[in-house]
Amino acid sequence: MSARRCRTLERSGTFFQNYTEWLSGTPRKAVVAEDTAGAALDSTGSPAPAGREPGSRRLRADARRNIDSLLEAAKIVFGTSGVDAPAKEIADLAGVGVGTLYRHFPQRSDLVKAVLQREIDACADAAPALSAAHRPGAALANWLHRYTEFLALKPGLATALHSGDPAFDELPGYFWQRFGPALGSLLEAATASGEIRADISPRDLLYAIASLCVPVGDEGVAYSQRMVALLIDGLRYGADTSPSRS
């Protein structure tokens, strides 16, 4: 990747400055890492499914807490100091030793990838909770705003994602695997209730909002949220509001 392109990404402050190019990549097969005690972990530090490795076992509760603390600390530190921040800064904020950090995430790319997957999971998992708490149209709108916040990650994460590191090759597939069904269920419910138009797909919306989140001057996420609110208003135009839908 050219130095000029890298500088563009660093200035953007947005996860999907070159969103469509990133998603066009072919995801590679997930790589399973092992901690020093022999437990098989997936790329987020979670236990691998039973049977994947002969000696696989479930993480102890304290190990799971350490991983959660490390991922939360890394998210904060990456936002303030960049993805190349010292390991000790992350470990200190998480309240663990540097050795614990490297035991779970031997490479910095392992940690960056785990942070991104955790953010994808949190956004996707918000869909059913919103559906349970709101009418379909409001649940969809709230989730789209939540997705907009997800896109507005720090520039260091955006730079790392576009670095060409093969560790990130599977993330586009993971993105669609989680967000496609999450948004699809919200869209289906909002369409069935007659609150939004029926001629739009999850992929349409994911791409449209990513385009709206491309930085404009010094505008931040609040500007993107306003643009997304206009898009949501447009979804209501042409909705089937016949009595049979109510």
Protein backbone atom coordinates (compact mmCIF):
# COMPACT_ATOMS: atom_id res chain seq x y z
CA MET A 1 0.00 0.00 0.00
CA SER A 2 1.44 3.39 -0.95
CA ALA A 3 2.53 5.90 1.68
CA ARG A 4 0.03 8.39 0.23
CA ARG A 5 -2.83 5.90 0.61
CA CYS A 6 -1.77 5.14 4.16
CA ARG A 7 -1.78 8.83 5.07
CA THR A 8 -5.30 9.15 3.64
CA LEU A 9 -6.50 6.34 5.91
CA GLU A 10 -4.77 7.82 8.94
CA ARG A 11 -6.54 11.13 8.41
CA SER A 12 -9.94 9.59 7.83
CA GLY A 13 -10.77 8.46 11.36
CA THR A 14 -13.37 6.14 9.82
CA PHE A 15 -13.30 2.35 9.65
CA PHE A 16 -14.59 2.04 6.10
CA GLN A 17 -12.87 4.88 4.25
CA ASN A 18 -12.30 2.32 1.50
CA TYR A 19 -15.13 0.03 2.54
CA THR A 20 -16.09 -1.57 -0.77
CA GLU A 21 -12.46 -2.39 -1.62
CA TRP A 22 -11.97 -4.04 1.77
CA LEU A 23 -15.13 -6.14 1.46
CA SER A 24 -14.17 -7.33 -2.02
CA GLY A 25 -11.35 -9.46 -0.59
CA THR A 26 -11.78 -13.22 -0.27
CA PRO A 27 -11.74 -14.20 3.40
CA ARG A 28 -9.22 -16.85 4.35
CA LYS A 29 -9.86 -19.80 6.58
CA ALA A 30 -9.73 -18.85 10.26
CA VAL A 31 -6.51 -19.65 12.07
CA VAL A 32 -6.74 -21.17 15.53
CA ALA A 33 -4.10 -20.07 18.01
CA GLU A 34 -3.10 -21.99 21.11
CA ASP A 35 -2.18 -20.46 24.43
CA THR A 36 0.85 -21.70 26.30
CA ALA A 37 -1.26 -24.01 28.43
CA GLY A 38 -2.54 -25.88 25.39
CA ALA A 39 -6.09 -24.51 25.20
CA ALA A 40 -7.33 -23.95 21.65
CA LEU A 41 -8.55 -20.39 21.14
CA ASP A 42 -10.23 -18.70 18.22
CA SER A 43 -9.16 -15.32 16.89
CA THR A 44 -10.98 -13.42 19.63
CA GLY A 45 -9.44 -15.46 22.41
CA SER A 46 -12.60 -17.49 22.92
CA PRO A 47 -12.52 -21.27 23.32
CA ALA A 48 -12.51 -23.12 20.02
CA PRO A 49 -15.48 -25.44 19.37
CA ALA A 50 -15.19 -28.84 20.98
CA GLY A 51 -13.35 -31.36 18.84
CA ARG A 52 -11.33 -28.83 16.83
CA GLU A 53 -8.17 -29.73 18.75
CA PRO A 54 -7.63 -33.04 20.59
CA GLY A 55 -6.56 -31.26 23.79
CA SER A 56 -9.01 -28.38 23.64
CA ARG A 57 -10.66 -27.25 26.86
CA ARG A 58 -12.84 -24.41 28.01
CA LEU A 59 -11.12 -21.30 29.28
CA ARG A 60 -11.22 -20.83 33.02
CA ALA A 61 -13.41 -18.00 34.25
CA ASP A 62 -10.39 -15.92 35.28
CA ALA A 63 -8.77 -16.38 31.87
CA ARG A 64 -12.00 -15.26 30.19
CA ARG A 65 -12.08 -12.17 32.42
CA ASN A 66 -8.47 -11.41 31.53
CA ILE A 67 -9.25 -11.61 27.83
CA ASP A 68 -12.30 -9.37 28.19
CA SER A 69 -10.24 -6.84 30.16
CA LEU A 70 -7.46 -6.92 27.59
CA LEU A 71 -9.85 -6.35 24.68
CA GLU A 72 -11.58 -3.44 26.40
CA ALA A 73 -8.24 -1.92 27.38
CA ALA A 74 -6.86 -2.39 23.85
CA LYS A 75 -9.89 -0.67 22.36
CA ILE A 76 -9.33 2.35 24.62
CA VAL A 77 -5.56 2.48 24.13
CA PHE A 78 -5.81 2.05 20.36
CA GLY A 79 -8.16 5.03 20.33
CA THR A 80 -5.77 7.28 22.25
CA SER A 81 -2.28 5.97 21.39
CA GLY A 82 -2.77 4.01 18.15
CA VAL A 83 -2.42 0.32 17.38
CA ASP A 84 1.34 0.42 17.94
CA ALA A 85 0.97 1.50 21.58
CA PRO A 86 3.28 -0.28 24.04
CA ALA A 87 2.03 -3.62 25.28
CA LYS A 88 2.60 -2.49 28.87
CA GLU A 89 0.15 0.39 28.43
CA ILE A 90 -2.57 -2.06 27.41
CA ALA A 91 -1.69 -4.62 30.08
CA ASP A 92 -1.56 -1.99 32.84
CA LEU A 93 -4.98 -0.64 31.92
CA ALA A 94 -6.37 -4.21 31.86
CA GLY A 95 -4.83 -4.95 35.25
CA VAL A 96 -2.79 -7.93 34.01
CA GLY A 97 0.84 -8.66 33.26
CA VAL A 98 2.43 -8.24 29.84
CA GLY A 99 2.99 -11.99 29.76
CA THR A 100 -0.77 -12.55 29.96
CA LEU A 101 -1.27 -10.23 27.01
CA TYR A 102 1.23 -12.12 24.86
CA ARG A 103 -0.07 -15.50 26.00
CA HIS A 104 -3.50 -14.76 24.57
CA PHE A 105 -2.44 -12.49 21.68
CA PRO A 106 1.11 -13.41 20.54
CA GLN A 107 1.06 -10.94 17.62
CA ARG A 108 -0.28 -7.40 17.60
CA SER A 109 -2.45 -8.32 14.61
CA ASP A 110 -4.10 -11.00 16.79
CA LEU A 111 -5.14 -8.32 19.26
CA VAL A 112 -6.30 -5.83 16.63
CA LYS A 113 -8.38 -8.50 14.93
CA ALA A 114 -9.92 -9.60 18.24
CA VAL A 115 -10.87 -6.02 19.09
CA LEU A 116 -12.54 -5.58 15.71
CA GLN A 117 -14.42 -8.87 15.97
CA ARG A 118 -15.59 -7.93 19.46
CA GLU A 119 -16.99 -4.65 18.13
CA ILE A 120 -18.70 -6.45 15.24
CA ASP A 121 -20.24 -8.92 17.69
CA ALA A 122 -21.47 -6.18 20.02
CA CYS A 123 -23.16 -4.34 17.17
CA ALA A 124 -24.76 -7.48 15.70
CA ASP A 125 -25.92 -8.70 19.12
CA ALA A 126 -27.72 -5.40 19.72
CA ALA A 127 -30.30 -6.29 17.04
CA PRO A 128 -32.41 -8.80 19.00
CA ALA A 129 -32.31 -6.63 22.13
CA LEU A 130 -33.57 -3.63 20.16
CA SER A 131 -36.28 -5.77 18.56
CA ALA A 132 -37.52 -6.80 21.98
CA ALA A 133 -37.59 -3.24 23.30
CA HIS A 134 -39.02 -1.23 20.38
CA ARG A 135 -41.47 -1.31 17.53
CA PRO A 136 -39.89 -2.70 14.33
CA GLY A 137 -39.28 0.66 12.68
CA ALA A 138 -37.69 2.16 15.79
CA ALA A 139 -35.59 -0.96 16.37
CA LEU A 140 -34.25 -0.72 12.82
CA ALA A 141 -33.48 2.99 13.15
CA ASN A 142 -31.71 2.51 16.47
CA TRP A 143 -29.60 -0.32 15.09
CA LEU A 144 -28.60 1.68 12.01
CA HIS A 145 -27.38 4.46 14.29
CA ARG A 146 -25.50 1.87 16.35
CA TYR A 147 -23.91 0.58 13.16
CA THR A 148 -22.91 4.14 12.26
CA GLU A 149 -21.07 4.42 15.57
CA PHE A 150 -19.31 1.15 14.82
CA LEU A 151 -18.05 2.55 11.51
CA ALA A 152 -16.56 5.60 13.22
CA LEU A 153 -13.56 3.79 14.69
CA LYS A 154 -10.18 5.40 15.28
CA PRO A 155 -7.71 5.99 12.42
CA GLY A 156 -5.15 3.50 13.75
CA LEU A 157 -7.62 0.64 13.42
CA ALA A 158 -8.53 1.75 9.89
CA THR A 159 -4.85 1.86 8.91
CA ALA A 160 -4.22 -1.59 10.35
CA LEU A 161 -7.23 -3.05 8.57
CA HIS A 162 -5.97 -1.81 5.18
CA SER A 163 -2.35 -2.75 5.81
CA GLY A 164 -2.48 -5.93 3.74
CA ASP A 165 -1.76 -8.13 6.75
CA PRO A 166 -3.24 -11.59 6.00
CA ALA A 167 -4.40 -11.79 9.62
CA PHE A 168 -7.32 -9.55 8.61
CA ASP A 169 -8.31 -11.41 5.44
CA GLU A 170 -11.21 -13.26 7.05
CA LEU A 171 -12.82 -10.15 8.56
CA PRO A 172 -14.94 -9.25 5.50
CA GLY A 173 -16.59 -12.67 5.65
CA TYR A 174 -17.10 -12.33 9.38
CA PHE A 175 -18.64 -8.90 8.85
CA TRP A 176 -21.29 -10.28 6.46
CA GLN A 177 -21.82 -13.40 8.57
CA ARG A 178 -22.80 -11.30 11.59
CA PHE A 179 -24.35 -8.15 10.12
CA GLY A 180 -26.30 -9.72 7.26
CA PRO A 181 -28.67 -11.79 9.45
CA ALA A 182 -28.85 -9.12 12.18
CA LEU A 183 -29.96 -6.38 9.81
CA GLY A 184 -32.04 -8.80 7.74
CA SER A 185 -34.25 -9.68 10.70
CA LEU A 186 -34.80 -6.01 11.54
CA LEU A 187 -35.61 -5.14 7.94
CA GLU A 188 -38.05 -8.02 7.60
CA ALA A 189 -39.94 -7.00 10.73
CA ALA A 190 -40.07 -3.31 9.79
CA THR A 191 -41.27 -4.16 6.28
CA ALA A 192 -43.93 -6.55 7.57
CA SER A 193 -45.26 -3.85 9.90
CA GLY A 194 -45.55 -1.40 7.01
CA GLU A 195 -43.10 1.08 8.56
CA ILE A 196 -40.50 1.04 5.77
CA ARG A 197 -40.45 0.32 2.06
CA ALA A 198 -39.88 -3.24 0.90
CA ASP A 199 -37.42 -2.73 -1.96
CA ILE A 200 -34.16 -2.56 -0.03
CA SER A 201 -31.81 -5.33 1.12
CA PRO A 202 -29.41 -5.58 4.07
CA ARG A 203 -26.47 -5.24 1.68
CA ASP A 204 -27.99 -2.08 0.20
CA LEU A 205 -28.22 -0.47 3.62
CA LEU A 206 -24.80 -1.58 4.84
CA TYR A 207 -23.13 -0.11 1.77
CA ALA A 208 -25.28 3.04 1.77
CA ILE A 209 -24.48 3.89 5.37
CA ALA A 210 -20.78 3.18 4.88
CA SER A 211 -20.83 5.67 2.00
CA LEU A 212 -22.54 8.26 4.19
CA CYS A 213 -19.84 7.77 6.82
CA VAL A 214 -16.95 8.75 4.55
CA PRO A 215 -15.38 11.78 6.31
CA VAL A 216 -16.31 15.27 5.13
CA GLY A 217 -13.77 17.85 6.22
CA ASP A 218 -13.57 18.02 9.98
CA GLU A 219 -17.04 16.61 10.53
CA GLY A 220 -17.27 13.74 12.99
CA VAL A 221 -19.70 10.95 13.76
CA ALA A 222 -22.49 13.41 14.65
CA TYR A 223 -22.54 14.54 11.02
CA SER A 224 -22.74 10.93 9.82
CA GLN A 225 -25.62 10.30 12.23
CA ARG A 226 -27.54 13.23 10.73
CA MET A 227 -27.02 11.85 7.23
CA VAL A 228 -28.16 8.39 8.35
CA ALA A 229 -31.28 9.94 9.91
CA LEU A 230 -32.13 11.39 6.49
CA LEU A 231 -31.64 7.96 4.94
CA ILE A 232 -33.96 6.41 7.51
CA ASP A 233 -36.61 9.02 6.66
CA GLY A 234 -36.24 7.96 3.03
CA LEU A 235 -36.87 4.33 3.95
CA ARG A 236 -40.31 5.35 5.20
CA TYR A 237 -41.26 6.88 1.84
CA GLY A 238 -43.25 4.37 -0.18
CA ALA A 239 -43.93 2.06 2.77
CA ASP A 240 -47.07 -0.07 2.59
CA THR A 241 -49.33 1.60 5.14
CA SER A 242 -52.52 -0.26 4.16
CA PRO A 243 -54.81 -1.27 7.07
CA SER A 244 -53.90 -4.93 6.67
CA ARG A 245 -50.34 -4.05 7.74
CA SER A 246 -51.29 -2.45 11.04
